Amino acid sequence: HDDHGHHHGPVEPHESPKVVTVPLIL
């Protein structure tokens, strides 16, 4: 990422970390 949060190149999706997914489950 550059300084503005822009991602360059093809996107590679990934699952979010547990600190994000645990509240979803709860």
mmCIF file of all heavy atoms, coordinates in Angstrom:
data_MODEL
# 
_entry.id   MODEL 
# 
loop_
_atom_site.group_PDB 
_atom_site.id 
_atom_site.type_symbol 
_atom_site.label_atom_id 
_atom_site.label_alt_id 
_atom_site.label_comp_id 
_atom_site.label_asym_id 
_atom_site.label_entity_id 
_atom_site.label_seq_id 
_atom_site.pdbx_PDB_ins_code 
_atom_site.Cartn_x 
_atom_site.Cartn_y 
_atom_site.Cartn_z 
_atom_site.occupancy 
_atom_site.B_iso_or_equiv 
_atom_site.pdbx_formal_charge 
_atom_site.auth_seq_id 
_atom_site.auth_comp_id 
_atom_site.auth_asym_id 
_atom_site.auth_atom_id 
_atom_site.pdbx_PDB_model_num 
ATOM 1   N N   . HIS A 1 1  ? 0.834   -1.193  0.000  1.00 0.00 ? 1  HIS A N   1 
ATOM 2   C CA  . HIS A 1 1  ? 0.000   0.000   0.000  1.00 0.00 ? 1  HIS A CA  1 
ATOM 3   C C   . HIS A 1 1  ? 0.872   1.247   0.000  1.00 0.00 ? 1  HIS A C   1 
ATOM 4   O O   . HIS A 1 1  ? 1.953   1.254   0.561  1.00 0.00 ? 1  HIS A O   1 
ATOM 5   C CB  . HIS A 1 1  ? -0.893  0.037   1.246  1.00 0.00 ? 1  HIS A CB  1 
ATOM 6   C CG  . HIS A 1 1  ? -1.955  -1.006  1.236  1.00 0.00 ? 1  HIS A CG  1 
ATOM 7   N ND1 . HIS A 1 1  ? -1.673  -2.339  1.352  1.00 0.00 ? 1  HIS A ND1 1 
ATOM 8   C CD2 . HIS A 1 1  ? -3.305  -0.895  1.143  1.00 0.00 ? 1  HIS A CD2 1 
ATOM 9   C CE1 . HIS A 1 1  ? -2.803  -3.030  1.349  1.00 0.00 ? 1  HIS A CE1 1 
ATOM 10  N NE2 . HIS A 1 1  ? -3.797  -2.163  1.221  1.00 0.00 ? 1  HIS A NE2 1 
ATOM 11  N N   . ASP A 1 2  ? 0.362   2.284   -0.651 1.00 0.00 ? 2  ASP A N   1 
ATOM 12  C CA  . ASP A 1 2  ? 1.071   3.548   -0.579 1.00 0.00 ? 2  ASP A CA  1 
ATOM 13  C C   . ASP A 1 2  ? 0.573   4.336   0.627  1.00 0.00 ? 2  ASP A C   1 
ATOM 14  O O   . ASP A 1 2  ? -0.208  3.857   1.433  1.00 0.00 ? 2  ASP A O   1 
ATOM 15  C CB  . ASP A 1 2  ? 0.916   4.349   -1.889 1.00 0.00 ? 2  ASP A CB  1 
ATOM 16  C CG  . ASP A 1 2  ? -0.526  4.741   -2.178 1.00 0.00 ? 2  ASP A CG  1 
ATOM 17  O OD1 . ASP A 1 2  ? -1.336  4.750   -1.230 1.00 0.00 ? 2  ASP A OD1 1 
ATOM 18  O OD2 . ASP A 1 2  ? -0.824  5.036   -3.346 1.00 0.00 ? 2  ASP A OD2 1 
ATOM 19  N N   . ASP A 1 3  ? 1.009   5.566   0.758  1.00 0.00 ? 3  ASP A N   1 
ATOM 20  C CA  . ASP A 1 3  ? 0.686   6.351   1.942  1.00 0.00 ? 3  ASP A CA  1 
ATOM 21  C C   . ASP A 1 3  ? -0.790  6.707   2.040  1.00 0.00 ? 3  ASP A C   1 
ATOM 22  O O   . ASP A 1 3  ? -1.255  7.134   3.082  1.00 0.00 ? 3  ASP A O   1 
ATOM 23  C CB  . ASP A 1 3  ? 1.510   7.651   1.957  1.00 0.00 ? 3  ASP A CB  1 
ATOM 24  C CG  . ASP A 1 3  ? 2.986   7.359   2.180  1.00 0.00 ? 3  ASP A CG  1 
ATOM 25  O OD1 . ASP A 1 3  ? 3.277   6.299   2.763  1.00 0.00 ? 3  ASP A OD1 1 
ATOM 26  O OD2 . ASP A 1 3  ? 3.825   8.182   1.775  1.00 0.00 ? 3  ASP A OD2 1 
ATOM 27  N N   . HIS A 1 4  ? -1.533  6.556   0.953  1.00 0.00 ? 4  HIS A N   1 
ATOM 28  C CA  . HIS A 1 4  ? -2.953  6.899   0.970  1.00 0.00 ? 4  HIS A CA  1 
ATOM 29  C C   . HIS A 1 4  ? -3.822  5.667   1.125  1.00 0.00 ? 4  HIS A C   1 
ATOM 30  O O   . HIS A 1 4  ? -5.028  5.725   0.945  1.00 0.00 ? 4  HIS A O   1 
ATOM 31  C CB  . HIS A 1 4  ? -3.345  7.627   -0.324 1.00 0.00 ? 4  HIS A CB  1 
ATOM 32  C CG  . HIS A 1 4  ? -2.601  8.913   -0.500 1.00 0.00 ? 4  HIS A CG  1 
ATOM 33  N ND1 . HIS A 1 4  ? -2.882  10.038  0.229  1.00 0.00 ? 4  HIS A ND1 1 
ATOM 34  C CD2 . HIS A 1 4  ? -1.556  9.243   -1.319 1.00 0.00 ? 4  HIS A CD2 1 
ATOM 35  C CE1 . HIS A 1 4  ? -2.070  11.019  -0.132 1.00 0.00 ? 4  HIS A CE1 1 
ATOM 36  N NE2 . HIS A 1 4  ? -1.265  10.562  -1.061 1.00 0.00 ? 4  HIS A NE2 1 
ATOM 37  N N   . GLY A 1 5  ? -3.237  4.537   1.411  1.00 0.00 ? 5  GLY A N   1 
ATOM 38  C CA  . GLY A 1 5  ? -4.025  3.341   1.598  1.00 0.00 ? 5  GLY A CA  1 
ATOM 39  C C   . GLY A 1 5  ? -4.463  2.698   0.302  1.00 0.00 ? 5  GLY A C   1 
ATOM 40  O O   . GLY A 1 5  ? -5.340  1.861   0.282  1.00 0.00 ? 5  GLY A O   1 
ATOM 41  N N   . HIS A 1 6  ? -3.871  3.066   -0.823 1.00 0.00 ? 6  HIS A N   1 
ATOM 42  C CA  . HIS A 1 6  ? -4.245  2.505   -2.112 1.00 0.00 ? 6  HIS A CA  1 
ATOM 43  C C   . HIS A 1 6  ? -3.444  1.226   -2.365 1.00 0.00 ? 6  HIS A C   1 
ATOM 44  O O   . HIS A 1 6  ? -2.234  1.201   -2.200 1.00 0.00 ? 6  HIS A O   1 
ATOM 45  C CB  . HIS A 1 6  ? -3.979  3.511   -3.243 1.00 0.00 ? 6  HIS A CB  1 
ATOM 46  C CG  . HIS A 1 6  ? -4.836  4.730   -3.132 1.00 0.00 ? 6  HIS A CG  1 
ATOM 47  N ND1 . HIS A 1 6  ? -4.714  5.794   -3.972 1.00 0.00 ? 6  HIS A ND1 1 
ATOM 48  C CD2 . HIS A 1 6  ? -5.824  5.052   -2.265 1.00 0.00 ? 6  HIS A CD2 1 
ATOM 49  C CE1 . HIS A 1 6  ? -5.573  6.734   -3.651 1.00 0.00 ? 6  HIS A CE1 1 
ATOM 50  N NE2 . HIS A 1 6  ? -6.267  6.299   -2.603 1.00 0.00 ? 6  HIS A NE2 1 
ATOM 51  N N   . HIS A 1 7  ? -4.146  0.221   -2.794 1.00 0.00 ? 7  HIS A N   1 
ATOM 52  C CA  . HIS A 1 7  ? -3.497  -1.067  -3.027 1.00 0.00 ? 7  HIS A CA  1 
ATOM 53  C C   . HIS A 1 7  ? -3.217  -1.209  -4.519 1.00 0.00 ? 7  HIS A C   1 
ATOM 54  O O   . HIS A 1 7  ? -4.090  -1.004  -5.346 1.00 0.00 ? 7  HIS A O   1 
ATOM 55  C CB  . HIS A 1 7  ? -4.421  -2.195  -2.564 1.00 0.00 ? 7  HIS A CB  1 
ATOM 56  C CG  . HIS A 1 7  ? -3.823  -3.563  -2.740 1.00 0.00 ? 7  HIS A CG  1 
ATOM 57  N ND1 . HIS A 1 7  ? -3.013  -4.132  -1.795 1.00 0.00 ? 7  HIS A ND1 1 
ATOM 58  C CD2 . HIS A 1 7  ? -3.918  -4.460  -3.753 1.00 0.00 ? 7  HIS A CD2 1 
ATOM 59  C CE1 . HIS A 1 7  ? -2.646  -5.336  -2.209 1.00 0.00 ? 7  HIS A CE1 1 
ATOM 60  N NE2 . HIS A 1 7  ? -3.180  -5.549  -3.386 1.00 0.00 ? 7  HIS A NE2 1 
ATOM 61  N N   . HIS A 1 8  ? -1.993  -1.566  -4.851 1.00 0.00 ? 8  HIS A N   1 
ATOM 62  C CA  . HIS A 1 8  ? -1.605  -1.684  -6.251 1.00 0.00 ? 8  HIS A CA  1 
ATOM 63  C C   . HIS A 1 8  ? -1.470  -3.159  -6.622 1.00 0.00 ? 8  HIS A C   1 
ATOM 64  O O   . HIS A 1 8  ? -0.941  -3.964  -5.860 1.00 0.00 ? 8  HIS A O   1 
ATOM 65  C CB  . HIS A 1 8  ? -0.277  -0.960  -6.501 1.00 0.00 ? 8  HIS A CB  1 
ATOM 66  C CG  . HIS A 1 8  ? -0.345  0.499   -6.147 1.00 0.00 ? 8  HIS A CG  1 
ATOM 67  N ND1 . HIS A 1 8  ? -1.120  1.398   -6.834 1.00 0.00 ? 8  HIS A ND1 1 
ATOM 68  C CD2 . HIS A 1 8  ? 0.267   1.207   -5.156 1.00 0.00 ? 8  HIS A CD2 1 
ATOM 69  C CE1 . HIS A 1 8  ? -0.975  2.600   -6.304 1.00 0.00 ? 8  HIS A CE1 1 
ATOM 70  N NE2 . HIS A 1 8  ? -0.151  2.502   -5.274 1.00 0.00 ? 8  HIS A NE2 1 
ATOM 71  N N   . GLY A 1 9  ? -1.935  -3.492  -7.797 1.00 0.00 ? 9  GLY A N   1 
ATOM 72  C CA  . GLY A 1 9  ? -1.845  -4.874  -8.251 1.00 0.00 ? 9  GLY A CA  1 
ATOM 73  C C   . GLY A 1 9  ? -3.130  -5.633  -7.978 1.00 0.00 ? 9  GLY A C   1 
ATOM 74  O O   . GLY A 1 9  ? -4.078  -5.105  -7.400 1.00 0.00 ? 9  GLY A O   1 
ATOM 75  N N   . PRO A 1 10 ? -3.204  -6.896  -8.403 1.00 0.00 ? 10 PRO A N   1 
ATOM 76  C CA  . PRO A 1 10 ? -4.413  -7.705  -8.220 1.00 0.00 ? 10 PRO A CA  1 
ATOM 77  C C   . PRO A 1 10 ? -4.743  -7.883  -6.741 1.00 0.00 ? 10 PRO A C   1 
ATOM 78  O O   . PRO A 1 10 ? -3.865  -7.986  -5.884 1.00 0.00 ? 10 PRO A O   1 
ATOM 79  C CB  . PRO A 1 10 ? -4.044  -9.048  -8.869 1.00 0.00 ? 10 PRO A CB  1 
ATOM 80  C CG  . PRO A 1 10 ? -2.880  -8.746  -9.753 1.00 0.00 ? 10 PRO A CG  1 
ATOM 81  C CD  . PRO A 1 10 ? -2.155  -7.617  -9.123 1.00 0.00 ? 10 PRO A CD  1 
ATOM 82  N N   . VAL A 1 11 ? -6.045  -7.903  -6.459 1.00 0.00 ? 11 VAL A N   1 
ATOM 83  C CA  . VAL A 1 11 ? -6.502  -8.092  -5.092 1.00 0.00 ? 11 VAL A CA  1 
ATOM 84  C C   . VAL A 1 11 ? -6.402  -9.559  -4.712 1.00 0.00 ? 11 VAL A C   1 
ATOM 85  O O   . VAL A 1 11 ? -6.777  -10.437 -5.483 1.00 0.00 ? 11 VAL A O   1 
ATOM 86  C CB  . VAL A 1 11 ? -7.960  -7.611  -4.943 1.00 0.00 ? 11 VAL A CB  1 
ATOM 87  C CG1 . VAL A 1 11 ? -8.489  -7.926  -3.553 1.00 0.00 ? 11 VAL A CG1 1 
ATOM 88  C CG2 . VAL A 1 11 ? -8.051  -6.125  -5.219 1.00 0.00 ? 11 VAL A CG2 1 
ATOM 89  N N   . GLU A 1 12 ? -5.910  -9.831  -3.519 1.00 0.00 ? 12 GLU A N   1 
ATOM 90  C CA  . GLU A 1 12 ? -5.871  -11.190 -2.977 1.00 0.00 ? 12 GLU A CA  1 
ATOM 91  C C   . GLU A 1 12 ? -6.698  -11.207 -1.697 1.00 0.00 ? 12 GLU A C   1 
ATOM 92  O O   . GLU A 1 12 ? -6.208  -10.833 -0.629 1.00 0.00 ? 12 GLU A O   1 
ATOM 93  C CB  . GLU A 1 12 ? -4.422  -11.614 -2.691 1.00 0.00 ? 12 GLU A CB  1 
ATOM 94  C CG  . GLU A 1 12 ? -3.577  -11.813 -3.935 1.00 0.00 ? 12 GLU A CG  1 
ATOM 95  C CD  . GLU A 1 12 ? -4.069  -12.973 -4.803 1.00 0.00 ? 12 GLU A CD  1 
ATOM 96  O OE1 . GLU A 1 12 ? -4.734  -13.875 -4.264 1.00 0.00 ? 12 GLU A OE1 1 
ATOM 97  O OE2 . GLU A 1 12 ? -3.791  -12.944 -6.011 1.00 0.00 ? 12 GLU A OE2 1 
ATOM 98  N N   . PRO A 1 13 ? -7.953  -11.605 -1.790 1.00 0.00 ? 13 PRO A N   1 
ATOM 99  C CA  . PRO A 1 13 ? -8.800  -11.591 -0.583 1.00 0.00 ? 13 PRO A CA  1 
ATOM 100 C C   . PRO A 1 13 ? -8.271  -12.510 0.497  1.00 0.00 ? 13 PRO A C   1 
ATOM 101 O O   . PRO A 1 13 ? -7.590  -13.499 0.222  1.00 0.00 ? 13 PRO A O   1 
ATOM 102 C CB  . PRO A 1 13 ? -10.144 -12.088 -1.112 1.00 0.00 ? 13 PRO A CB  1 
ATOM 103 C CG  . PRO A 1 13 ? -10.072 -11.969 -2.583 1.00 0.00 ? 13 PRO A CG  1 
ATOM 104 C CD  . PRO A 1 13 ? -8.642  -12.132 -2.964 1.00 0.00 ? 13 PRO A CD  1 
ATOM 105 N N   . HIS A 1 14 ? -8.588  -12.169 1.733  1.00 0.00 ? 14 HIS A N   1 
ATOM 106 C CA  . HIS A 1 14 ? -8.158  -12.986 2.859  1.00 0.00 ? 14 HIS A CA  1 
ATOM 107 C C   . HIS A 1 14 ? -9.166  -12.836 3.977  1.00 0.00 ? 14 HIS A C   1 
ATOM 108 O O   . HIS A 1 14 ? -9.854  -11.816 4.088  1.00 0.00 ? 14 HIS A O   1 
ATOM 109 C CB  . HIS A 1 14 ? -6.772  -12.552 3.345  1.00 0.00 ? 14 HIS A CB  1 
ATOM 110 C CG  . HIS A 1 14 ? -6.689  -11.099 3.720  1.00 0.00 ? 14 HIS A CG  1 
ATOM 111 N ND1 . HIS A 1 14 ? -7.113  -10.619 4.941  1.00 0.00 ? 14 HIS A ND1 1 
ATOM 112 C CD2 . HIS A 1 14 ? -6.252  -10.018 3.016  1.00 0.00 ? 14 HIS A CD2 1 
ATOM 113 C CE1 . HIS A 1 14 ? -6.929  -9.309  4.984  1.00 0.00 ? 14 HIS A CE1 1 
ATOM 114 N NE2 . HIS A 1 14 ? -6.415  -8.916  3.830  1.00 0.00 ? 14 HIS A NE2 1 
ATOM 115 N N   . GLU A 1 15 ? -9.267  -13.860 4.812  1.00 0.00 ? 15 GLU A N   1 
ATOM 116 C CA  . GLU A 1 15 ? -10.150 -13.779 5.965  1.00 0.00 ? 15 GLU A CA  1 
ATOM 117 C C   . GLU A 1 15 ? -9.583  -12.783 6.974  1.00 0.00 ? 15 GLU A C   1 
ATOM 118 O O   . GLU A 1 15 ? -8.365  -12.612 7.092  1.00 0.00 ? 15 GLU A O   1 
ATOM 119 C CB  . GLU A 1 15 ? -10.297 -15.161 6.611  1.00 0.00 ? 15 GLU A CB  1 
ATOM 120 C CG  . GLU A 1 15 ? -11.273 -15.219 7.780  1.00 0.00 ? 15 GLU A CG  1 
ATOM 121 C CD  . GLU A 1 15 ? -12.691 -14.811 7.395  1.00 0.00 ? 15 GLU A CD  1 
ATOM 122 O OE1 . GLU A 1 15 ? -12.971 -13.597 7.395  1.00 0.00 ? 15 GLU A OE1 1 
ATOM 123 O OE2 . GLU A 1 15 ? -13.499 -15.706 7.075  1.00 0.00 ? 15 GLU A OE2 1 
ATOM 124 N N   . SER A 1 16 ? -10.473 -12.118 7.683  1.00 0.00 ? 16 SER A N   1 
ATOM 125 C CA  . SER A 1 16 ? -10.053 -11.131 8.674  1.00 0.00 ? 16 SER A CA  1 
ATOM 126 C C   . SER A 1 16 ? -9.490  -11.828 9.912  1.00 0.00 ? 16 SER A C   1 
ATOM 127 O O   . SER A 1 16 ? -9.776  -13.002 10.160 1.00 0.00 ? 16 SER A O   1 
ATOM 128 C CB  . SER A 1 16 ? -11.240 -10.250 9.059  1.00 0.00 ? 16 SER A CB  1 
ATOM 129 O OG  . SER A 1 16 ? -11.725 -9.550  7.931  1.00 0.00 ? 16 SER A OG  1 
ATOM 130 N N   . PRO A 1 17 ? -8.701  -11.107 10.719 1.00 0.00 ? 17 PRO A N   1 
ATOM 131 C CA  . PRO A 1 17 ? -8.137  -11.712 11.935 1.00 0.00 ? 17 PRO A CA  1 
ATOM 132 C C   . PRO A 1 17 ? -9.224  -12.013 12.966 1.00 0.00 ? 17 PRO A C   1 
ATOM 133 O O   . PRO A 1 17 ? -10.357 -11.541 12.865 1.00 0.00 ? 17 PRO A O   1 
ATOM 134 C CB  . PRO A 1 17 ? -7.172  -10.640 12.434 1.00 0.00 ? 17 PRO A CB  1 
ATOM 135 C CG  . PRO A 1 17 ? -7.693  -9.371  11.870 1.00 0.00 ? 17 PRO A CG  1 
ATOM 136 C CD  . PRO A 1 17 ? -8.266  -9.712  10.537 1.00 0.00 ? 17 PRO A CD  1 
ATOM 137 N N   . LYS A 1 18 ? -8.847  -12.761 13.980 1.00 0.00 ? 18 LYS A N   1 
ATOM 138 C CA  . LYS A 1 18 ? -9.816  -13.207 14.980 1.00 0.00 ? 18 LYS A CA  1 
ATOM 139 C C   . LYS A 1 18 ? -10.445 -12.044 15.741 1.00 0.00 ? 18 LYS A C   1 
ATOM 140 O O   . LYS A 1 18 ? -11.607 -12.130 16.161 1.00 0.00 ? 18 LYS A O   1 
ATOM 141 C CB  . LYS A 1 18 ? -9.141  -14.166 15.967 1.00 0.00 ? 18 LYS A CB  1 
ATOM 142 C CG  . LYS A 1 18 ? -8.832  -15.530 15.364 1.00 0.00 ? 18 LYS A CG  1 
ATOM 143 C CD  . LYS A 1 18 ? -8.255  -16.472 16.409 1.00 0.00 ? 18 LYS A CD  1 
ATOM 144 C CE  . LYS A 1 18 ? -7.978  -17.844 15.799 1.00 0.00 ? 18 LYS A CE  1 
ATOM 145 N NZ  . LYS A 1 18 ? -7.422  -18.797 16.792 1.00 0.00 ? 18 LYS A NZ  1 
ATOM 146 N N   . VAL A 1 19 ? -9.704  -10.973 15.935 1.00 0.00 ? 19 VAL A N   1 
ATOM 147 C CA  . VAL A 1 19 ? -10.254 -9.842  16.661 1.00 0.00 ? 19 VAL A CA  1 
ATOM 148 C C   . VAL A 1 19 ? -11.427 -9.222  15.904 1.00 0.00 ? 19 VAL A C   1 
ATOM 149 O O   . VAL A 1 19 ? -12.252 -8.505  16.485 1.00 0.00 ? 19 VAL A O   1 
ATOM 150 C CB  . VAL A 1 19 ? -9.151  -8.785  16.924 1.00 0.00 ? 19 VAL A CB  1 
ATOM 151 C CG1 . VAL A 1 19 ? -8.806  -8.022  15.660 1.00 0.00 ? 19 VAL A CG1 1 
ATOM 152 C CG2 . VAL A 1 19 ? -9.535  -7.855  18.057 1.00 0.00 ? 19 VAL A CG2 1 
ATOM 153 N N   . VAL A 1 20 ? -11.526 -9.522  14.611 1.00 0.00 ? 20 VAL A N   1 
ATOM 154 C CA  . VAL A 1 20 ? -12.659 -9.087  13.797 1.00 0.00 ? 20 VAL A CA  1 
ATOM 155 C C   . VAL A 1 20 ? -13.725 -10.172 13.706 1.00 0.00 ? 20 VAL A C   1 
ATOM 156 O O   . VAL A 1 20 ? -14.925 -9.900  13.818 1.00 0.00 ? 20 VAL A O   1 
ATOM 157 C CB  . VAL A 1 20 ? -12.180 -8.683  12.382 1.00 0.00 ? 20 VAL A CB  1 
ATOM 158 C CG1 . VAL A 1 20 ? -13.360 -8.410  11.459 1.00 0.00 ? 20 VAL A CG1 1 
ATOM 159 C CG2 . VAL A 1 20 ? -11.281 -7.456  12.464 1.00 0.00 ? 20 VAL A CG2 1 
ATOM 160 N N   . THR A 1 21 ? -13.323 -11.432 13.503 1.00 0.00 ? 21 THR A N   1 
ATOM 161 C CA  . THR A 1 21 ? -14.293 -12.507 13.284 1.00 0.00 ? 21 THR A CA  1 
ATOM 162 C C   . THR A 1 21 ? -14.979 -12.973 14.566 1.00 0.00 ? 21 THR A C   1 
ATOM 163 O O   . THR A 1 21 ? -16.142 -13.400 14.517 1.00 0.00 ? 21 THR A O   1 
ATOM 164 C CB  . THR A 1 21 ? -13.619 -13.713 12.610 1.00 0.00 ? 21 THR A CB  1 
ATOM 165 O OG1 . THR A 1 21 ? -12.508 -14.140 13.407 1.00 0.00 ? 21 THR A OG1 1 
ATOM 166 C CG2 . THR A 1 21 ? -13.127 -13.336 11.218 1.00 0.00 ? 21 THR A CG2 1 
ATOM 167 N N   . VAL A 1 22 ? -14.305 -12.890 15.713 1.00 0.00 ? 22 VAL A N   1 
ATOM 168 C CA  . VAL A 1 22 ? -14.940 -13.322 16.965 1.00 0.00 ? 22 VAL A CA  1 
ATOM 169 C C   . VAL A 1 22 ? -16.181 -12.480 17.288 1.00 0.00 ? 22 VAL A C   1 
ATOM 170 O O   . VAL A 1 22 ? -17.236 -13.037 17.640 1.00 0.00 ? 22 VAL A O   1 
ATOM 171 C CB  . VAL A 1 22 ? -13.923 -13.315 18.125 1.00 0.00 ? 22 VAL A CB  1 
ATOM 172 C CG1 . VAL A 1 22 ? -14.644 -13.487 19.465 1.00 0.00 ? 22 VAL A CG1 1 
ATOM 173 C CG2 . VAL A 1 22 ? -12.901 -14.421 17.939 1.00 0.00 ? 22 VAL A CG2 1 
ATOM 174 N N   . PRO A 1 23 ? -16.125 -11.130 17.183 1.00 0.00 ? 23 PRO A N   1 
ATOM 175 C CA  . PRO A 1 23 ? -17.370 -10.367 17.378 1.00 0.00 ? 23 PRO A CA  1 
ATOM 176 C C   . PRO A 1 23 ? -18.471 -10.754 16.391 1.00 0.00 ? 23 PRO A C   1 
ATOM 177 O O   . PRO A 1 23 ? -19.658 -10.727 16.752 1.00 0.00 ? 23 PRO A O   1 
ATOM 178 C CB  . PRO A 1 23 ? -16.927 -8.907  17.161 1.00 0.00 ? 23 PRO A CB  1 
ATOM 179 C CG  . PRO A 1 23 ? -15.487 -8.903  17.555 1.00 0.00 ? 23 PRO A CG  1 
ATOM 180 C CD  . PRO A 1 23 ? -14.959 -10.227 17.083 1.00 0.00 ? 23 PRO A CD  1 
ATOM 181 N N   . LEU A 1 24 ? -18.094 -11.127 15.153 1.00 0.00 ? 24 LEU A N   1 
ATOM 182 C CA  . LEU A 1 24 ? -19.104 -11.574 14.204 1.00 0.00 ? 24 LEU A CA  1 
ATOM 183 C C   . LEU A 1 24 ? -19.806 -12.822 14.716 1.00 0.00 ? 24 LEU A C   1 
ATOM 184 O O   . LEU A 1 24 ? -21.044 -12.946 14.643 1.00 0.00 ? 24 LEU A O   1 
ATOM 185 C CB  . LEU A 1 24 ? -18.467 -11.854 12.844 1.00 0.00 ? 24 LEU A CB  1 
ATOM 186 C CG  . LEU A 1 24 ? -17.824 -10.682 12.095 1.00 0.00 ? 24 LEU A CG  1 
ATOM 187 C CD1 . LEU A 1 24 ? -17.269 -11.160 10.752 1.00 0.00 ? 24 LEU A CD1 1 
ATOM 188 C CD2 . LEU A 1 24 ? -18.817 -9.570  11.884 1.00 0.00 ? 24 LEU A CD2 1 
ATOM 189 N N   . ILE A 1 25 ? -19.052 -13.780 15.225 1.00 0.00 ? 25 ILE A N   1 
ATOM 190 C CA  . ILE A 1 25 ? -19.630 -15.028 15.732 1.00 0.00 ? 25 ILE A CA  1 
ATOM 191 C C   . ILE A 1 25 ? -20.512 -14.747 16.950 1.00 0.00 ? 25 ILE A C   1 
ATOM 192 O O   . ILE A 1 25 ? -21.624 -15.292 17.073 1.00 0.00 ? 25 ILE A O   1 
ATOM 193 C CB  . ILE A 1 25 ? -18.511 -16.024 16.094 1.00 0.00 ? 25 ILE A CB  1 
ATOM 194 C CG1 . ILE A 1 25 ? -17.731 -16.403 14.824 1.00 0.00 ? 25 ILE A CG1 1 
ATOM 195 C CG2 . ILE A 1 25 ? -19.074 -17.267 16.767 1.00 0.00 ? 25 ILE A CG2 1 
ATOM 196 C CD1 . ILE A 1 25 ? -16.458 -17.183 15.092 1.00 0.00 ? 25 ILE A CD1 1 
ATOM 197 N N   . LEU A 1 26 ? -20.042 -13.872 17.830 1.00 0.00 ? 26 LEU A N   1 
ATOM 198 C CA  . LEU A 1 26 ? -20.814 -13.561 19.027 1.00 0.00 ? 26 LEU A CA  1 
ATOM 199 C C   . LEU A 1 26 ? -22.115 -12.829 18.698 1.00 0.00 ? 26 LEU A C   1 
ATOM 200 O O   . LEU A 1 26 ? -23.099 -12.944 19.446 1.00 0.00 ? 26 LEU A O   1 
ATOM 201 C CB  . LEU A 1 26 ? -19.969 -12.717 19.987 1.00 0.00 ? 26 LEU A CB  1 
ATOM 202 C CG  . LEU A 1 26 ? -18.759 -13.429 20.603 1.00 0.00 ? 26 LEU A CG  1 
ATOM 203 C CD1 . LEU A 1 26 ? -17.966 -12.476 21.485 1.00 0.00 ? 26 LEU A CD1 1 
ATOM 204 C CD2 . LEU A 1 26 ? -19.200 -14.651 21.407 1.00 0.00 ? 26 LEU A CD2 1 
# 
